């Protein structure tokens, strides 16, 4: 659904209700200036962003420390773990 900024201002409550069903694109100067979405959809988008952020951080960590991780895994393979209950460093993804 697309509406003008003036429509959004004049009938905000109505469009909040509409946003529960579908995103409401607010147009200003012939372009989408904003989108009204439900709180549930916003929470989904934030969760996706956090997931992506965590995946990106994991990738950067593995890249930065790949040499050290390989050394540690080689040491564990050669000598085993020194304490019961410990586990080897997880493989890089």
N, C-alpha and C. Protein backbone atom coordinates (compact mmCIF):
# COMPACT_ATOMS: atom_id res chain seq x y z
N UNK A 1 0.84 -1.17 0.00
CA UNK A 1 0.00 0.00 0.00
C UNK A 1 0.88 1.24 0.00
N UNK A 2 0.52 2.21 -0.80
CA UNK A 2 1.23 3.48 -0.86
C UNK A 2 0.28 4.62 -0.52
N UNK A 3 0.78 5.53 0.30
CA UNK A 3 0.00 6.71 0.66
C UNK A 3 0.92 7.92 0.66
N UNK A 4 0.32 9.11 0.63
CA UNK A 4 1.13 10.32 0.72
C UNK A 4 1.42 10.63 2.18
N UNK A 5 2.41 11.47 2.40
CA UNK A 5 2.75 11.88 3.76
C UNK A 5 1.58 12.62 4.40
N UNK A 6 0.85 13.38 3.63
CA UNK A 6 -0.31 14.10 4.16
C UNK A 6 -1.39 13.13 4.61
N UNK A 7 -1.64 12.09 3.80
CA UNK A 7 -2.61 11.06 4.20
C UNK A 7 -2.16 10.39 5.49
N UNK A 8 -0.87 10.08 5.59
CA UNK A 8 -0.35 9.43 6.79
C UNK A 8 -0.57 10.31 8.02
N UNK A 9 -0.34 11.59 7.87
CA UNK A 9 -0.51 12.54 8.98
C UNK A 9 -1.99 12.62 9.38
N UNK A 10 -2.86 12.74 8.40
CA UNK A 10 -4.28 12.94 8.68
C UNK A 10 -4.99 11.70 9.19
N UNK A 11 -4.52 10.52 8.81
CA UNK A 11 -5.22 9.27 9.18
C UNK A 11 -4.24 8.27 9.78
N UNK A 12 -3.35 8.76 10.64
CA UNK A 12 -2.28 7.92 11.18
C UNK A 12 -2.81 6.66 11.87
N UNK A 13 -3.83 6.79 12.71
CA UNK A 13 -4.39 5.64 13.42
C UNK A 13 -4.87 4.56 12.47
N UNK A 14 -5.54 4.98 11.42
CA UNK A 14 -6.04 4.03 10.42
C UNK A 14 -4.88 3.27 9.78
N UNK A 15 -3.83 4.00 9.39
CA UNK A 15 -2.71 3.36 8.71
C UNK A 15 -1.87 2.49 9.65
N UNK A 16 -1.90 2.80 10.94
CA UNK A 16 -1.27 1.89 11.90
C UNK A 16 -1.97 0.54 11.87
N UNK A 17 -3.29 0.58 11.79
CA UNK A 17 -4.06 -0.67 11.69
C UNK A 17 -3.75 -1.41 10.39
N UNK A 18 -3.63 -0.67 9.31
CA UNK A 18 -3.29 -1.29 8.02
C UNK A 18 -1.91 -1.95 8.09
N UNK A 19 -1.00 -1.32 8.82
CA UNK A 19 0.37 -1.85 8.91
C UNK A 19 0.40 -3.21 9.59
N UNK A 20 -0.63 -3.54 10.35
CA UNK A 20 -0.71 -4.88 10.95
C UNK A 20 -0.88 -5.95 9.87
N UNK A 21 -1.42 -5.57 8.74
CA UNK A 21 -1.67 -6.51 7.64
C UNK A 21 -0.61 -6.46 6.55
N UNK A 22 -0.10 -5.25 6.28
CA UNK A 22 0.91 -5.10 5.22
C UNK A 22 1.69 -3.81 5.45
N UNK A 23 2.91 -3.72 4.96
CA UNK A 23 3.67 -2.47 5.09
C UNK A 23 2.96 -1.33 4.36
N UNK A 24 3.02 -0.14 4.95
CA UNK A 24 2.42 1.04 4.35
C UNK A 24 3.56 1.97 3.94
N UNK A 25 3.73 2.16 2.64
CA UNK A 25 4.79 3.00 2.09
C UNK A 25 4.31 4.45 2.06
N UNK A 26 5.04 5.32 2.72
CA UNK A 26 4.67 6.73 2.79
C UNK A 26 5.50 7.49 1.75
N UNK A 27 4.80 8.11 0.80
CA UNK A 27 5.44 8.81 -0.31
C UNK A 27 5.56 10.30 -0.01
N UNK A 28 6.69 10.86 -0.37
CA UNK A 28 6.88 12.31 -0.27
C UNK A 28 7.78 12.71 -1.43
N UNK A 29 7.38 13.71 -2.18
CA UNK A 29 8.12 14.16 -3.35
C UNK A 29 8.40 13.02 -4.32
N UNK A 30 7.37 12.21 -4.56
CA UNK A 30 7.44 11.11 -5.54
C UNK A 30 8.47 10.03 -5.21
N UNK A 31 8.78 9.87 -3.94
CA UNK A 31 9.66 8.76 -3.54
C UNK A 31 9.18 8.23 -2.19
N UNK A 32 9.55 6.99 -1.89
CA UNK A 32 9.18 6.42 -0.60
C UNK A 32 10.06 7.06 0.47
N UNK A 33 9.45 7.81 1.36
CA UNK A 33 10.18 8.50 2.42
C UNK A 33 10.22 7.68 3.70
N UNK A 34 9.29 6.77 3.85
CA UNK A 34 9.25 5.93 5.04
C UNK A 34 8.27 4.80 4.85
N UNK A 35 8.32 3.86 5.78
CA UNK A 35 7.42 2.71 5.73
C UNK A 35 6.89 2.48 7.14
N UNK A 36 5.59 2.32 7.26
CA UNK A 36 4.99 1.98 8.54
C UNK A 36 4.82 0.46 8.55
N UNK A 37 5.41 -0.19 9.55
CA UNK A 37 5.28 -1.65 9.69
C UNK A 37 4.79 -1.96 11.10
N UNK A 38 4.25 -3.15 11.27
CA UNK A 38 3.78 -3.56 12.59
C UNK A 38 4.98 -3.78 13.52
N UNK A 39 4.71 -3.74 14.81
CA UNK A 39 5.76 -3.99 15.80
C UNK A 39 6.31 -5.40 15.64
N UNK A 40 5.47 -6.36 15.30
CA UNK A 40 5.92 -7.75 15.12
C UNK A 40 6.90 -7.84 13.95
N UNK A 41 6.56 -7.19 12.84
CA UNK A 41 7.45 -7.23 11.67
C UNK A 41 8.76 -6.53 11.97
N UNK A 42 8.69 -5.41 12.69
CA UNK A 42 9.91 -4.68 13.07
C UNK A 42 10.81 -5.57 13.93
N UNK A 43 10.23 -6.31 14.87
CA UNK A 43 11.01 -7.23 15.72
C UNK A 43 11.68 -8.30 14.87
N UNK A 44 10.97 -8.82 13.86
CA UNK A 44 11.55 -9.81 12.95
C UNK A 44 12.75 -9.22 12.22
N UNK A 45 12.60 -8.00 11.73
CA UNK A 45 13.70 -7.35 11.00
C UNK A 45 14.91 -7.11 11.90
N UNK A 46 14.67 -6.70 13.13
CA UNK A 46 15.78 -6.50 14.07
C UNK A 46 16.50 -7.81 14.36
N UNK A 47 15.74 -8.89 14.53
CA UNK A 47 16.34 -10.21 14.78
C UNK A 47 17.20 -10.64 13.61
N UNK A 48 16.72 -10.42 12.38
CA UNK A 48 17.50 -10.76 11.20
C UNK A 48 18.80 -9.96 11.15
N UNK A 49 18.71 -8.70 11.50
CA UNK A 49 19.89 -7.85 11.50
C UNK A 49 20.92 -8.33 12.53
N UNK A 50 20.45 -8.73 13.70
CA UNK A 50 21.35 -9.25 14.74
C UNK A 50 22.01 -10.54 14.27
N UNK A 51 21.21 -11.42 13.65
CA UNK A 51 21.74 -12.68 13.14
C UNK A 51 22.84 -12.43 12.12
N UNK A 52 22.55 -11.55 11.20
CA UNK A 52 23.51 -11.24 10.15
C UNK A 52 24.76 -10.63 10.78
N UNK A 53 24.56 -9.79 11.74
CA UNK A 53 25.68 -9.14 12.41
C UNK A 53 26.55 -10.19 13.11
N UNK A 54 25.91 -11.16 13.78
CA UNK A 54 26.67 -12.20 14.47
C UNK A 54 27.42 -13.07 13.45
N UNK A 55 26.79 -13.40 12.35
CA UNK A 55 27.45 -14.19 11.31
C UNK A 55 28.64 -13.43 10.75
N UNK A 56 28.47 -12.13 10.54
CA UNK A 56 29.56 -11.31 10.03
C UNK A 56 30.71 -11.26 11.03
N UNK A 57 30.38 -11.07 12.32
CA UNK A 57 31.44 -11.03 13.35
C UNK A 57 32.17 -12.36 13.43
N UNK A 58 31.44 -13.47 13.33
CA UNK A 58 32.06 -14.80 13.37
C UNK A 58 33.02 -14.96 12.19
N UNK A 59 32.57 -14.53 11.01
CA UNK A 59 33.40 -14.64 9.82
C UNK A 59 34.68 -13.81 9.98
N UNK A 60 34.54 -12.58 10.46
CA UNK A 60 35.71 -11.71 10.66
C UNK A 60 36.67 -12.29 11.69
N UNK A 61 36.14 -12.84 12.77
CA UNK A 61 36.98 -13.46 13.80
C UNK A 61 37.75 -14.63 13.21
N UNK A 62 37.04 -15.51 12.51
CA UNK A 62 37.70 -16.68 11.93
C UNK A 62 38.77 -16.29 10.93
N UNK A 63 38.52 -15.24 10.16
CA UNK A 63 39.53 -14.76 9.21
C UNK A 63 40.76 -14.22 9.94
N UNK A 64 40.51 -13.39 10.94
CA UNK A 64 41.60 -12.73 11.65
C UNK A 64 42.47 -13.73 12.41
N UNK A 65 41.85 -14.74 13.00
CA UNK A 65 42.58 -15.67 13.86
C UNK A 65 42.71 -17.07 13.26
N UNK A 66 42.56 -17.20 11.93
CA UNK A 66 42.57 -18.54 11.34
C UNK A 66 43.89 -19.26 11.57
N UNK A 67 44.99 -18.55 11.56
CA UNK A 67 46.28 -19.18 11.83
C UNK A 67 46.35 -19.72 13.24
N UNK A 68 45.93 -18.92 14.21
CA UNK A 68 45.95 -19.34 15.60
C UNK A 68 45.02 -20.53 15.83
N UNK A 69 43.81 -20.47 15.23
CA UNK A 69 42.86 -21.57 15.37
C UNK A 69 43.45 -22.85 14.80
N UNK A 70 44.09 -22.76 13.65
CA UNK A 70 44.72 -23.95 13.03
C UNK A 70 45.81 -24.50 13.93
N UNK A 71 46.63 -23.63 14.53
CA UNK A 71 47.68 -24.08 15.46
C UNK A 71 47.08 -24.82 16.64
N UNK A 72 46.03 -24.26 17.21
CA UNK A 72 45.41 -24.89 18.38
C UNK A 72 44.81 -26.24 18.01
N UNK A 73 44.15 -26.31 16.88
CA UNK A 73 43.56 -27.59 16.45
C UNK A 73 44.64 -28.62 16.15
N UNK A 74 45.75 -28.20 15.55
CA UNK A 74 46.86 -29.13 15.28
C UNK A 74 47.45 -29.64 16.59
N UNK A 75 47.59 -28.75 17.56
CA UNK A 75 48.13 -29.15 18.87
C UNK A 75 47.21 -30.18 19.54
N UNK A 76 45.92 -29.95 19.48
CA UNK A 76 44.95 -30.87 20.07
C UNK A 76 45.02 -32.22 19.36
N UNK A 77 45.13 -32.21 18.04
CA UNK A 77 45.21 -33.47 17.30
C UNK A 77 46.49 -34.23 17.64
N UNK A 78 47.58 -33.51 17.82
CA UNK A 78 48.87 -34.16 18.12
C UNK A 78 48.94 -34.64 19.57
N UNK A 79 48.40 -33.87 20.51
CA UNK A 79 48.60 -34.16 21.92
C UNK A 79 47.33 -34.44 22.70
N UNK A 80 46.20 -34.25 22.09
CA UNK A 80 44.94 -34.44 22.80
C UNK A 80 44.63 -33.26 23.70
N UNK A 81 43.49 -33.35 24.36
CA UNK A 81 43.09 -32.30 25.28
C UNK A 81 43.67 -32.59 26.66
N UNK A 82 44.02 -31.55 27.37
CA UNK A 82 44.70 -31.74 28.65
C UNK A 82 43.74 -31.90 29.82
N UNK A 83 42.46 -31.71 29.61
CA UNK A 83 41.52 -31.79 30.72
C UNK A 83 40.22 -32.43 30.24
N UNK A 84 39.69 -33.32 31.05
CA UNK A 84 38.43 -33.98 30.70
C UNK A 84 37.33 -32.93 30.61
N UNK A 85 36.48 -33.05 29.64
CA UNK A 85 35.36 -32.14 29.49
C UNK A 85 35.63 -31.00 28.51
N UNK A 86 36.88 -30.79 28.12
CA UNK A 86 37.17 -29.75 27.14
C UNK A 86 36.90 -30.28 25.74
N UNK A 87 36.65 -29.38 24.84
CA UNK A 87 36.43 -29.76 23.45
C UNK A 87 37.34 -28.95 22.55
N UNK A 88 37.63 -29.48 21.39
CA UNK A 88 38.49 -28.79 20.44
C UNK A 88 37.76 -27.56 19.91
N UNK A 89 38.53 -26.58 19.43
CA UNK A 89 37.98 -25.38 18.84
C UNK A 89 37.11 -25.76 17.65
N UNK A 90 35.90 -25.18 17.55
CA UNK A 90 35.02 -25.57 16.43
C UNK A 90 35.64 -25.23 15.08
N UNK A 91 35.33 -26.06 14.11
CA UNK A 91 35.83 -25.83 12.75
C UNK A 91 35.35 -24.51 12.19
N UNK A 92 36.12 -23.97 11.29
CA UNK A 92 35.75 -22.71 10.66
C UNK A 92 34.62 -22.94 9.69
N UNK A 93 33.73 -21.94 9.65
CA UNK A 93 32.58 -22.06 8.73
C UNK A 93 32.67 -21.00 7.68
